[in-house]
């Protein structure tokens, strides 16, 4: 089976700073892959390159959705989203003053077809599509465990629920690949366990997941493979248990105590 995402010798420079250097790995369809490493290792920079926020300096990013394979390095974020890649952020980025359901509807609008004229005159097609958007948004809220909370203001929700809302908004774009940037950050143990169940549930729907996470209990609990990067370079790759016990990874990132506790 062809990988859904291929990272080939990816490089990203910021002036004289080399943030990524010849990173190469791939993600298989319907896989949960963890991307780990120390702070400033280049993990979020890699996410930004895939999502179209940053343009790679060199290398290739090949995305294969159900229709075709295409090089996406340098494409704009809206084009990447339209192809079927969605992401969340390390720091939650919701529309705080909007309702929960409106946040999800915003994600859904990348799949709408109504014209500007239709939106102005609110013709029959536009009204039917808006109804479908609301139904879809409620479906995704139910899916992530926020059923019946659509009219709450996003900023009023507890932290863990805001994380779930961000996932719901990303799912509303109908991704083939979902990239989660430290989704367990700031969560208590029960919220982390619930998050792991949600991640598995998303994968069971056929969505591939690329996960940045520092909580090794989450990584060990849900990831089928792990890629480790350090100082912008590939360091190790394999099944979670093998990576956890890799001397190079322990030295560069986990430390003996953290590896034993994970």
Protein backbone atom coordinates (compact mmCIF):
# COMPACT_ATOMS: atom_id res chain seq x y z
CA UNK A 1 0.00 0.00 0.00
CA UNK A 2 1.33 3.41 -0.99
CA UNK A 3 2.08 5.70 1.99
CA UNK A 4 -0.34 8.58 2.48
CA UNK A 5 2.53 10.98 3.23
CA UNK A 6 6.19 10.81 2.18
CA UNK A 7 8.75 13.21 3.63
CA UNK A 8 11.89 13.13 1.48
CA UNK A 9 15.11 14.90 2.53
CA UNK A 10 13.10 17.80 3.91
CA UNK A 11 15.11 20.90 4.80
CA UNK A 12 14.01 24.22 6.24
CA UNK A 13 16.29 27.16 6.93
CA UNK A 14 15.48 30.40 8.69
CA UNK A 15 18.32 32.63 7.60
CA UNK A 16 21.43 31.01 9.05
CA UNK A 17 19.41 28.64 11.27
CA UNK A 18 18.94 25.14 9.89
CA UNK A 19 15.68 24.00 11.51
CA UNK A 20 15.29 20.78 9.48
CA UNK A 21 18.02 18.85 7.72
CA UNK A 22 17.35 15.94 5.34
CA UNK A 23 14.36 14.57 7.28
CA UNK A 24 12.99 11.42 5.62
CA UNK A 25 10.13 9.19 6.73
CA UNK A 26 6.68 8.09 5.58
CA UNK A 27 3.24 7.48 7.06
CA UNK A 28 1.04 4.61 6.02
CA UNK A 29 -2.70 4.99 5.53
CA UNK A 30 -4.79 4.54 8.69
CA UNK A 31 -1.67 4.61 10.87
CA UNK A 32 -1.06 6.53 14.07
CA UNK A 33 2.51 7.82 13.88
CA UNK A 34 4.16 9.69 16.73
CA UNK A 35 6.71 12.44 16.08
CA UNK A 36 8.77 13.09 19.20
CA UNK A 37 11.94 14.88 20.23
CA UNK A 38 13.25 17.61 22.54
CA UNK A 39 11.95 21.17 22.47
CA UNK A 40 13.22 23.04 19.40
CA UNK A 41 13.91 19.75 17.61
CA UNK A 42 11.96 20.95 14.55
CA UNK A 43 8.69 19.04 15.06
CA UNK A 44 6.31 21.98 14.68
CA UNK A 45 8.40 23.36 11.82
CA UNK A 46 7.86 20.05 10.03
CA UNK A 47 4.10 20.32 10.69
CA UNK A 48 4.13 23.87 9.31
CA UNK A 49 5.88 22.70 6.13
CA UNK A 50 3.31 19.96 5.57
CA UNK A 51 0.38 22.28 6.32
CA UNK A 52 1.61 25.03 3.97
CA UNK A 53 2.42 27.58 6.67
CA UNK A 54 6.15 27.36 5.88
CA UNK A 55 7.75 26.71 2.51
CA UNK A 56 10.49 24.04 2.61
CA UNK A 57 13.97 25.15 1.64
CA UNK A 58 14.62 21.80 -0.03
CA UNK A 59 13.23 18.29 -0.25
CA UNK A 60 9.80 16.90 -1.10
CA UNK A 61 6.48 16.33 0.64
CA UNK A 62 4.28 13.88 -1.29
CA UNK A 63 0.65 13.47 -0.23
CA UNK A 64 -1.52 10.66 -1.59
CA UNK A 65 -5.24 11.01 -1.00
CA UNK A 66 -7.83 8.69 -2.50
CA UNK A 67 -7.60 10.39 -5.89
CA UNK A 68 -3.93 11.09 -6.61
CA UNK A 69 -0.40 11.70 -5.36
CA UNK A 70 0.82 15.28 -5.39
CA UNK A 71 3.83 17.26 -4.23
CA UNK A 72 2.54 19.74 -1.66
CA UNK A 73 5.74 21.47 -0.51
CA UNK A 74 5.15 25.21 -0.87
CA UNK A 75 1.39 25.00 -1.45
CA UNK A 76 -0.81 27.46 0.43
CA UNK A 77 -2.62 26.26 3.59
CA UNK A 78 -6.07 26.43 1.98
CA UNK A 79 -4.89 24.24 -0.90
CA UNK A 80 -3.39 21.70 1.51
CA UNK A 81 -6.64 21.62 3.49
CA UNK A 82 -8.67 21.12 0.31
CA UNK A 83 -6.51 18.12 -0.59
CA UNK A 84 -7.34 16.47 2.74
CA UNK A 85 -4.84 17.49 5.45
CA UNK A 86 -6.00 19.13 8.70
CA UNK A 87 -4.10 20.12 11.82
CA UNK A 88 -4.49 21.38 15.36
CA UNK A 89 -2.03 23.67 17.12
CA UNK A 90 0.16 23.42 20.18
CA UNK A 91 -1.50 26.60 21.47
CA UNK A 92 -5.26 26.34 21.01
CA UNK A 93 -6.48 28.60 18.19
CA UNK A 94 -10.23 28.89 18.44
CA UNK A 95 -12.51 31.83 17.66
CA UNK A 96 -12.99 32.52 21.35
CA UNK A 97 -16.01 34.82 21.10
CA UNK A 98 -17.96 32.58 18.72
CA UNK A 99 -20.16 29.69 19.71
CA UNK A 100 -18.90 26.13 19.72
CA UNK A 101 -20.96 25.18 16.68
CA UNK A 102 -19.83 28.26 14.74
CA UNK A 103 -16.20 27.24 15.29
CA UNK A 104 -16.92 23.86 13.71
CA UNK A 105 -18.97 25.38 10.89
CA UNK A 106 -15.96 27.50 9.94
CA UNK A 107 -13.96 24.32 9.40
CA UNK A 108 -16.76 22.84 7.34
CA UNK A 109 -16.99 25.76 4.93
CA UNK A 110 -13.90 24.58 3.01
CA UNK A 111 -16.19 21.88 1.53
CA UNK A 112 -19.08 24.16 0.55
CA UNK A 113 -20.01 25.13 -3.00
CA UNK A 114 -22.43 28.03 -2.60
CA UNK A 115 -21.56 31.15 -4.58
CA UNK A 116 -21.36 34.70 -3.29
CA UNK A 117 -24.62 35.49 -5.09
CA UNK A 118 -26.33 32.49 -3.49
CA UNK A 119 -25.20 33.60 -0.06
CA UNK A 120 -26.55 37.13 -0.64
CA UNK A 121 -29.99 36.12 -1.91
CA UNK A 122 -30.13 32.92 0.21
CA UNK A 123 -31.48 30.79 -2.61
CA UNK A 124 -32.77 27.25 -2.13
CA UNK A 125 -29.41 25.61 -2.77
CA UNK A 126 -27.62 27.88 -0.29
CA UNK A 127 -30.24 27.25 2.41
CA UNK A 128 -30.00 23.48 1.91
CA UNK A 129 -26.22 23.61 2.11
CA UNK A 130 -26.29 25.72 5.28
CA UNK A 131 -28.65 23.18 6.86
CA UNK A 132 -26.23 20.38 5.90
CA UNK A 133 -23.34 22.33 7.45
CA UNK A 134 -25.19 22.64 10.75
CA UNK A 135 -26.05 18.92 10.75
CA UNK A 136 -22.45 18.03 9.96
CA UNK A 137 -21.11 20.34 12.68
CA UNK A 138 -23.42 18.73 15.25
CA UNK A 139 -22.25 15.30 14.09
CA UNK A 140 -18.60 16.17 14.71
CA UNK A 141 -19.38 17.71 18.09
CA UNK A 142 -21.13 14.48 19.05
CA UNK A 143 -18.18 12.49 17.72
CA UNK A 144 -15.67 14.26 20.00
CA UNK A 145 -17.94 14.16 23.05
CA UNK A 146 -19.42 17.68 22.95
CA UNK A 147 -23.00 16.78 22.03
CA UNK A 148 -25.56 19.43 22.95
CA UNK A 149 -22.98 22.14 23.67
CA UNK A 150 -23.06 23.95 20.35
CA UNK A 151 -24.45 27.22 21.71
CA UNK A 152 -21.80 27.68 24.40
CA UNK A 153 -19.14 30.33 23.81
CA UNK A 154 -15.84 28.67 22.97
CA UNK A 155 -13.80 30.64 25.51
CA UNK A 156 -16.13 29.58 28.35
CA UNK A 157 -15.35 25.89 27.93
CA UNK A 158 -12.86 23.99 30.13
CA UNK A 159 -9.40 23.53 28.65
CA UNK A 160 -9.83 19.86 27.75
CA UNK A 161 -13.12 20.57 25.97
CA UNK A 162 -11.48 23.36 23.97
CA UNK A 163 -8.93 20.79 22.79
CA UNK A 164 -11.81 18.53 21.70
CA UNK A 165 -13.46 21.43 19.92
CA UNK A 166 -10.30 22.12 17.95
CA UNK A 167 -10.24 18.47 16.89
CA UNK A 168 -13.92 18.67 15.85
CA UNK A 169 -13.18 21.74 13.70
CA UNK A 170 -10.28 19.92 12.03
CA UNK A 171 -12.43 16.84 11.38
CA UNK A 172 -15.09 19.04 9.79
CA UNK A 173 -12.70 19.63 6.87
CA UNK A 174 -12.97 15.89 6.03
CA UNK A 175 -9.24 15.13 6.25
CA UNK A 176 -7.47 12.00 5.08
CA UNK A 177 -4.55 12.98 7.34
CA UNK A 178 -5.02 14.67 10.74
CA UNK A 179 -1.97 16.26 12.37
CA UNK A 180 -2.24 16.82 16.13
CA UNK A 181 0.33 19.14 17.74
CA UNK A 182 0.66 18.25 21.44
CA UNK A 183 -3.07 17.56 21.96
CA UNK A 184 -2.51 16.29 25.54
CA UNK A 185 -0.62 19.41 26.67
CA UNK A 186 -2.14 20.71 29.90
CA UNK A 187 -4.54 17.79 30.30
CA UNK A 188 -5.04 15.88 33.53
CA UNK A 189 -4.62 12.05 33.51
CA UNK A 190 -8.33 11.35 32.89
CA UNK A 191 -8.48 13.86 30.03
CA UNK A 192 -5.38 12.24 28.51
CA UNK A 193 -6.99 8.79 28.68
CA UNK A 194 -10.14 10.15 27.06
CA UNK A 195 -7.99 11.76 24.38
CA UNK A 196 -6.31 8.44 23.59
CA UNK A 197 -9.73 6.85 23.14
CA UNK A 198 -10.73 9.67 20.78
CA UNK A 199 -7.54 9.30 18.72
CA UNK A 200 -8.16 5.58 18.31
CA UNK A 201 -11.77 6.28 17.35
CA UNK A 202 -10.65 8.75 14.69
CA UNK A 203 -8.19 6.22 13.25
CA UNK A 204 -10.91 3.55 13.23
CA UNK A 205 -12.81 5.85 10.86
CA UNK A 206 -9.96 5.50 8.38
CA UNK A 207 -8.19 8.79 9.12
CA UNK A 208 -4.40 8.70 9.35
CA UNK A 209 -2.91 10.53 12.33
CA UNK A 210 0.47 12.24 12.75
CA UNK A 211 0.95 13.13 16.40
CA UNK A 212 3.44 15.41 18.14
CA UNK A 213 3.37 14.68 21.84
CA UNK A 214 5.64 14.97 24.89
CA UNK A 215 3.45 12.81 27.13
CA UNK A 216 5.11 9.43 26.64
CA UNK A 217 2.15 7.60 28.16
CA UNK A 218 0.03 8.94 25.31
CA UNK A 219 2.70 8.12 22.72
CA UNK A 220 3.16 4.58 24.04
CA UNK A 221 -0.58 4.12 24.38
CA UNK A 222 -1.77 5.03 20.88
CA UNK A 223 1.14 5.16 18.40
CA UNK A 224 1.99 2.21 16.20
CA UNK A 225 5.30 3.71 15.09
CA UNK A 226 7.40 6.60 16.34
CA UNK A 227 9.84 8.90 14.55
CA UNK A 228 12.36 10.81 16.66
CA UNK A 229 14.07 14.00 15.50
CA UNK A 230 16.73 16.00 17.34
CA UNK A 231 18.33 19.30 16.36
CA UNK A 232 16.42 19.16 13.07
CA UNK A 233 17.74 15.72 12.09
CA UNK A 234 16.23 12.24 11.99
CA UNK A 235 17.43 10.29 15.02
CA UNK A 236 15.45 7.05 15.24
CA UNK A 237 12.32 5.29 14.00
CA UNK A 238 10.43 2.14 14.94
CA UNK A 239 7.81 0.64 17.20
CA UNK A 240 7.24 2.63 20.42
CA UNK A 241 8.87 0.08 22.74
CA UNK A 242 11.98 -0.16 20.57
CA UNK A 243 12.31 3.62 20.32
CA UNK A 244 11.76 4.00 24.06
CA UNK A 245 14.71 1.69 24.75
CA UNK A 246 17.00 3.09 22.05
CA UNK A 247 20.16 4.42 23.80
CA UNK A 248 20.39 7.35 21.34
CA UNK A 249 16.82 8.43 22.13
CA UNK A 250 17.31 8.04 25.89
CA UNK A 251 20.43 10.16 25.76
CA UNK A 252 19.02 12.88 23.50
CA UNK A 253 15.47 13.12 24.79
CA UNK A 254 13.91 10.70 27.24
CA UNK A 255 16.56 10.23 29.89
CA UNK A 256 16.69 7.00 31.86
CA UNK A 257 14.04 8.04 34.38
CA UNK A 258 11.57 9.26 31.75
CA UNK A 259 12.03 6.13 29.65
CA UNK A 260 11.40 3.89 32.65
CA UNK A 261 8.29 5.82 33.65
CA UNK A 262 6.66 5.92 30.22
